[in-house]
Protein backbone atom coordinates (compact mmCIF):
# COMPACT_ATOMS: atom_id res chain seq x y z
CA MET A 1 11.35 14.03 10.07
CA GLN A 2 10.18 11.40 7.97
CA LYS A 3 11.30 11.67 4.33
CA ARG A 4 8.50 11.95 1.48
CA ALA A 5 9.00 9.57 -1.62
CA THR A 6 6.78 8.01 -4.19
CA ILE A 7 5.50 4.33 -3.67
CA SER A 8 7.96 3.59 -6.42
CA LYS A 9 10.91 5.01 -5.06
CA ALA A 10 9.65 3.15 -1.39
CA PHE A 11 9.67 -0.04 -3.18
CA LYS A 12 13.12 0.73 -4.53
CA ARG A 13 14.58 0.94 -1.29
CA LYS A 14 13.12 -2.68 -0.29
CA TYR A 15 15.06 -4.53 -2.67
CA PRO A 16 17.30 -6.57 -2.68
CA GLU A 17 15.39 -8.71 -0.01
CA GLN A 18 16.12 -11.88 1.54
CA VAL A 19 14.33 -14.79 -0.81
CA VAL A 20 13.73 -18.35 -0.64
CA LEU A 21 12.93 -21.36 -2.97
CA VAL A 22 9.87 -23.26 -1.96
CA THR A 23 9.79 -26.74 -3.62
CA THR A 24 6.76 -29.09 -4.02
CA ARG A 25 5.96 -32.20 -6.16
CA LYS A 26 3.52 -32.06 -9.26
CA PRO A 27 0.91 -34.99 -9.35
CA ASP A 28 3.05 -36.18 -12.17
CA GLY A 29 5.91 -36.80 -10.12
CA GLY A 30 8.11 -33.86 -11.63
CA ALA A 31 9.12 -31.25 -9.60
CA ASN A 32 7.98 -27.32 -9.09
CA VAL A 33 10.10 -24.35 -7.62
CA MET A 34 8.86 -21.12 -6.80
CA ALA A 35 10.85 -18.01 -5.54
CA VAL A 36 9.19 -16.71 -2.20
CA GLY A 37 10.11 -12.82 -1.26
CA TRP A 38 7.49 -12.82 1.89
CA ALA A 39 9.11 -15.41 4.04
CA ALA A 40 9.91 -15.23 8.05
CA ILE A 41 11.01 -17.49 10.49
CA ALA A 42 8.08 -17.32 13.15
CA SER A 43 9.76 -19.78 15.66
CA SER A 44 12.94 -21.60 16.20
CA VAL A 45 11.54 -24.33 18.46
CA PRO A 46 9.37 -25.95 17.03
CA SER A 47 10.91 -24.60 13.49
CA MET A 48 8.21 -22.82 11.82
CA PHE A 49 7.93 -20.36 8.54
CA VAL A 50 5.49 -17.84 7.47
CA LEU A 51 5.27 -17.75 3.67
CA ALA A 52 3.11 -15.58 1.92
CA ILE A 53 2.29 -17.19 -1.33
CA ASP A 54 -0.84 -16.33 -3.48
CA ASP A 55 -3.85 -18.53 -3.68
CA GLY A 56 -3.55 -18.63 -7.44
CA ALA A 57 0.28 -19.39 -7.56
CA TYR A 58 0.84 -23.41 -8.90
CA THR A 59 2.94 -23.83 -5.94
CA TYR A 60 0.02 -23.04 -3.50
CA GLU A 61 -2.42 -25.06 -5.21
CA LEU A 62 0.31 -28.28 -5.25
CA ILE A 63 0.90 -27.48 -1.38
CA LYS A 64 -3.07 -27.86 -0.73
CA LYS A 65 -2.84 -31.18 -2.58
CA THR A 66 0.20 -32.69 -1.09
CA LYS A 67 0.43 -30.95 2.08
CA GLU A 68 4.15 -31.13 1.73
CA PHE A 69 6.94 -28.29 0.69
CA VAL A 70 10.45 -27.69 1.21
CA VAL A 71 11.95 -24.19 2.01
CA ALA A 72 15.47 -23.53 0.63
CA PHE A 73 17.94 -20.84 1.49
CA PRO A 74 19.74 -20.08 -2.22
CA ASN A 75 23.57 -19.68 -1.66
CA GLU A 76 25.17 -16.40 -2.87
CA LYS A 77 26.10 -17.79 -6.48
CA MET A 78 22.02 -18.59 -7.28
CA GLY A 79 20.83 -14.94 -8.05
CA LYS A 80 20.31 -15.91 -11.79
CA GLU A 81 18.42 -19.01 -11.02
CA VAL A 82 16.45 -17.23 -8.28
CA VAL A 83 15.43 -14.58 -10.73
CA TYR A 84 14.40 -17.10 -13.36
CA VAL A 85 12.03 -19.19 -11.23
CA GLY A 86 10.73 -15.89 -9.86
CA THR A 87 9.26 -14.22 -13.10
CA ARG A 88 7.82 -17.21 -14.41
CA HIS A 89 4.67 -19.46 -13.70
CA GLY A 90 4.74 -23.16 -13.04
CA HIS A 91 1.19 -23.24 -14.74
CA THR A 92 3.11 -22.95 -18.02
CA CYS A 93 6.38 -23.89 -17.68
CA ASP A 94 9.16 -26.56 -15.71
CA LYS A 95 10.81 -23.84 -13.74
CA ILE A 96 13.15 -26.70 -12.44
CA ALA A 97 14.57 -27.43 -15.80
CA GLY A 98 14.52 -23.80 -17.32
CA SER A 99 16.54 -22.49 -14.27
CA GLY A 100 19.04 -25.23 -14.23
CA LEU A 101 18.72 -25.70 -10.54
CA ALA A 102 19.89 -29.21 -9.33
CA ILE A 103 17.57 -31.34 -6.98
CA GLN A 104 17.67 -34.16 -5.17
CA PRO A 105 15.40 -36.47 -2.94
CA ALA A 106 14.44 -35.33 0.64
CA ASP A 107 14.58 -37.69 3.47
CA LYS A 108 11.04 -37.30 5.02
CA VAL A 109 8.84 -35.43 2.09
CA LYS A 110 8.39 -36.18 -1.52
CA ALA A 111 9.20 -32.55 -2.26
CA PRO A 112 12.80 -32.00 -3.31
CA LEU A 113 15.45 -30.27 -1.69
CA ILE A 114 17.36 -27.65 -3.82
CA ALA A 115 20.80 -29.58 -4.33
CA ASN A 116 23.01 -26.50 -3.99
CA ALA A 117 20.86 -24.34 -1.46
CA VAL A 118 22.12 -23.62 2.19
CA ARG A 119 21.76 -26.59 3.82
CA LEU A 120 20.98 -26.32 7.54
CA GLN A 121 22.69 -28.60 10.11
CA GLY A 122 21.33 -30.52 13.14
CA GLN A 123 17.82 -30.15 14.93
CA PRO A 124 16.72 -27.72 17.09
CA SER A 125 16.77 -28.52 20.56
CA ASN A 126 13.46 -29.35 22.53
C-alpha cells in the first residue's frame, strides 16, 4: 500500500540527489557555473545528457548565445561549492570567484572545465 505524505515530506525524501555543474563562457570572456539537479544520461554512444535548465537562468542565456557548455561531475569534497553556486544567480554575481572553484581551459570548447571535478577517461566506442 502506498504511504501518504505531504508534498514537503515527499520532497525531503528526494534529496540528496546527483547534481552536476554546468559551465559556460560569458561574452566578456569570464566563466559562469550552475548547479543542475535535473540531469540524466540519455545515451552512451553517442554521449548525450538531458539537462533541465530554466529559461530564465543566466546559464540558459549563455548556452543559447555560445552554443557551448561543459557538464562536470563534482567530487565528494565539493559540497560547499555546489551549494554556493546552486543558491546564487549568475546575473548578479561571479559564482566562480565566490565559490572558490578552480577552472581550467577545455580542449574543444570555450566553456571551462572545473579543475577538481571527476574527470571521465577515454572516448565511447563507435
